[in-house]
N, C-alpha and C. Protein backbone atom coordinates (compact mmCIF):
# COMPACT_ATOMS: atom_id res chain seq x y z
N MET A 1 9.34 28.62 -23.96
CA MET A 1 8.03 28.02 -23.84
C MET A 1 8.14 26.50 -23.63
N LYS A 2 8.98 25.85 -24.44
CA LYS A 2 9.13 24.40 -24.31
C LYS A 2 9.71 24.03 -22.95
N LYS A 3 10.63 24.85 -22.47
CA LYS A 3 11.26 24.59 -21.18
C LYS A 3 10.21 24.60 -20.06
N GLU A 4 9.29 25.57 -20.12
CA GLU A 4 8.23 25.66 -19.11
C GLU A 4 7.32 24.45 -19.17
N GLN A 5 6.99 24.02 -20.38
CA GLN A 5 6.14 22.84 -20.53
C GLN A 5 6.85 21.59 -20.01
N GLY A 6 8.13 21.50 -20.28
CA GLY A 6 8.92 20.35 -19.81
C GLY A 6 8.99 20.31 -18.30
N GLU A 7 9.18 21.47 -17.68
CA GLU A 7 9.24 21.53 -16.21
C GLU A 7 7.89 21.17 -15.61
N LYS A 8 6.82 21.66 -16.23
CA LYS A 8 5.47 21.36 -15.74
C LYS A 8 5.19 19.86 -15.88
N MET A 9 5.61 19.29 -17.01
CA MET A 9 5.40 17.86 -17.25
C MET A 9 6.21 17.03 -16.25
N ASN A 10 7.45 17.44 -15.99
CA ASN A 10 8.29 16.73 -15.02
C ASN A 10 7.65 16.78 -13.63
N HIS A 11 7.10 17.94 -13.27
CA HIS A 11 6.44 18.08 -11.97
C HIS A 11 5.23 17.16 -11.90
N THR A 12 4.47 17.08 -12.99
CA THR A 12 3.29 16.21 -13.03
C THR A 12 3.70 14.75 -12.90
N VAL A 13 4.72 14.35 -13.61
CA VAL A 13 5.21 12.96 -13.54
C VAL A 13 5.68 12.64 -12.12
N GLU A 14 6.41 13.58 -11.52
CA GLU A 14 6.91 13.38 -10.16
C GLU A 14 5.75 13.24 -9.17
N ALA A 15 4.73 14.07 -9.33
CA ALA A 15 3.55 14.01 -8.45
C ALA A 15 2.82 12.68 -8.62
N GLU A 16 2.70 12.21 -9.85
CA GLU A 16 2.05 10.93 -10.10
C GLU A 16 2.84 9.77 -9.49
N GLN A 17 4.16 9.85 -9.57
CA GLN A 17 5.00 8.80 -9.00
C GLN A 17 4.85 8.77 -7.48
N LYS A 18 4.83 9.95 -6.85
CA LYS A 18 4.66 10.01 -5.40
C LYS A 18 3.30 9.46 -5.00
N HIS A 19 2.27 9.81 -5.76
CA HIS A 19 0.92 9.32 -5.49
C HIS A 19 0.89 7.80 -5.61
N SER A 20 1.56 7.28 -6.62
CA SER A 20 1.62 5.84 -6.84
C SER A 20 2.31 5.13 -5.67
N LEU A 21 3.39 5.74 -5.17
CA LEU A 21 4.10 5.16 -4.03
C LEU A 21 3.20 5.14 -2.79
N VAL A 22 2.46 6.21 -2.58
CA VAL A 22 1.55 6.28 -1.43
C VAL A 22 0.49 5.19 -1.56
N CYS A 23 -0.07 5.04 -2.75
CA CYS A 23 -1.09 4.01 -2.96
C CYS A 23 -0.52 2.62 -2.73
N ASN A 24 0.70 2.38 -3.21
CA ASN A 24 1.34 1.08 -3.01
C ASN A 24 1.55 0.81 -1.52
N ASP A 25 1.98 1.83 -0.79
CA ASP A 25 2.18 1.68 0.65
C ASP A 25 0.85 1.36 1.34
N GLN A 26 -0.21 2.05 0.94
CA GLN A 26 -1.52 1.81 1.55
C GLN A 26 -1.98 0.38 1.28
N LEU A 27 -1.78 -0.09 0.05
CA LEU A 27 -2.16 -1.47 -0.28
C LEU A 27 -1.34 -2.47 0.51
N PHE A 28 -0.03 -2.21 0.63
CA PHE A 28 0.84 -3.10 1.38
C PHE A 28 0.38 -3.23 2.83
N PHE A 29 0.09 -2.10 3.48
CA PHE A 29 -0.32 -2.15 4.87
C PHE A 29 -1.71 -2.75 5.04
N GLN A 30 -2.58 -2.55 4.05
CA GLN A 30 -3.90 -3.17 4.10
C GLN A 30 -3.76 -4.69 4.00
N GLU A 31 -2.93 -5.17 3.09
CA GLU A 31 -2.70 -6.61 2.96
C GLU A 31 -2.03 -7.17 4.21
N LEU A 32 -1.11 -6.43 4.78
CA LEU A 32 -0.44 -6.85 6.01
C LEU A 32 -1.44 -6.99 7.15
N ARG A 33 -2.35 -6.02 7.26
CA ARG A 33 -3.38 -6.06 8.30
C ARG A 33 -4.29 -7.28 8.10
N ILE A 34 -4.69 -7.53 6.86
CA ILE A 34 -5.55 -8.68 6.57
C ILE A 34 -4.83 -9.98 6.92
N ALA A 35 -3.56 -10.09 6.56
CA ALA A 35 -2.79 -11.30 6.86
C ALA A 35 -2.68 -11.49 8.38
N ALA A 36 -2.48 -10.40 9.12
CA ALA A 36 -2.38 -10.49 10.58
C ALA A 36 -3.72 -10.95 11.18
N GLU A 37 -4.82 -10.43 10.65
CA GLU A 37 -6.14 -10.85 11.15
C GLU A 37 -6.39 -12.32 10.87
N GLU A 38 -5.99 -12.78 9.68
CA GLU A 38 -6.16 -14.20 9.34
C GLU A 38 -5.29 -15.08 10.23
N ALA A 39 -4.07 -14.64 10.49
CA ALA A 39 -3.17 -15.41 11.36
C ALA A 39 -3.73 -15.48 12.77
N GLU A 40 -4.30 -14.39 13.24
CA GLU A 40 -4.90 -14.37 14.57
C GLU A 40 -6.10 -15.32 14.64
N ARG A 41 -6.91 -15.32 13.59
CA ARG A 41 -8.06 -16.25 13.54
C ARG A 41 -7.59 -17.70 13.53
N ASP A 42 -6.57 -17.98 12.71
CA ASP A 42 -6.04 -19.34 12.65
C ASP A 42 -5.50 -19.77 14.01
N TYR A 43 -4.80 -18.87 14.69
CA TYR A 43 -4.25 -19.17 16.00
C TYR A 43 -5.38 -19.45 16.99
N ASP A 44 -6.41 -18.61 16.96
CA ASP A 44 -7.56 -18.81 17.85
C ASP A 44 -8.27 -20.12 17.55
N ASP A 45 -8.40 -20.46 16.26
CA ASP A 45 -9.05 -21.71 15.88
C ASP A 45 -8.25 -22.91 16.37
N GLN A 46 -6.93 -22.85 16.27
CA GLN A 46 -6.08 -23.94 16.75
C GLN A 46 -6.18 -24.06 18.27
N ASP A 47 -6.23 -22.93 18.94
CA ASP A 47 -6.35 -22.90 20.39
C ASP A 47 -7.67 -23.51 20.82
N ASN A 48 -8.74 -23.22 20.09
CA ASN A 48 -10.06 -23.78 20.41
C ASN A 48 -10.10 -25.28 20.17
N LEU A 49 -9.39 -25.77 19.17
CA LEU A 49 -9.37 -27.19 18.90
C LEU A 49 -8.66 -27.97 20.00
N LYS A 50 -7.64 -27.35 20.61
CA LYS A 50 -6.90 -28.00 21.69
C LYS A 50 -7.73 -28.06 22.96
N SER A 51 -8.65 -27.14 23.12
CA SER A 51 -9.44 -27.08 24.38
C SER A 51 -10.50 -28.13 24.43
């Protein structure tokens, strides 16, 4: 009985860790996209100032 509970708990922990990794990846790419948009705006603003 304890072995089954331990295996189930290990599976739950593993699933939570995978979910956490996916969430971290999503946050990373969201921040990367935001940084790219800001860099593009800054570049456009500098280009407009030169004109």
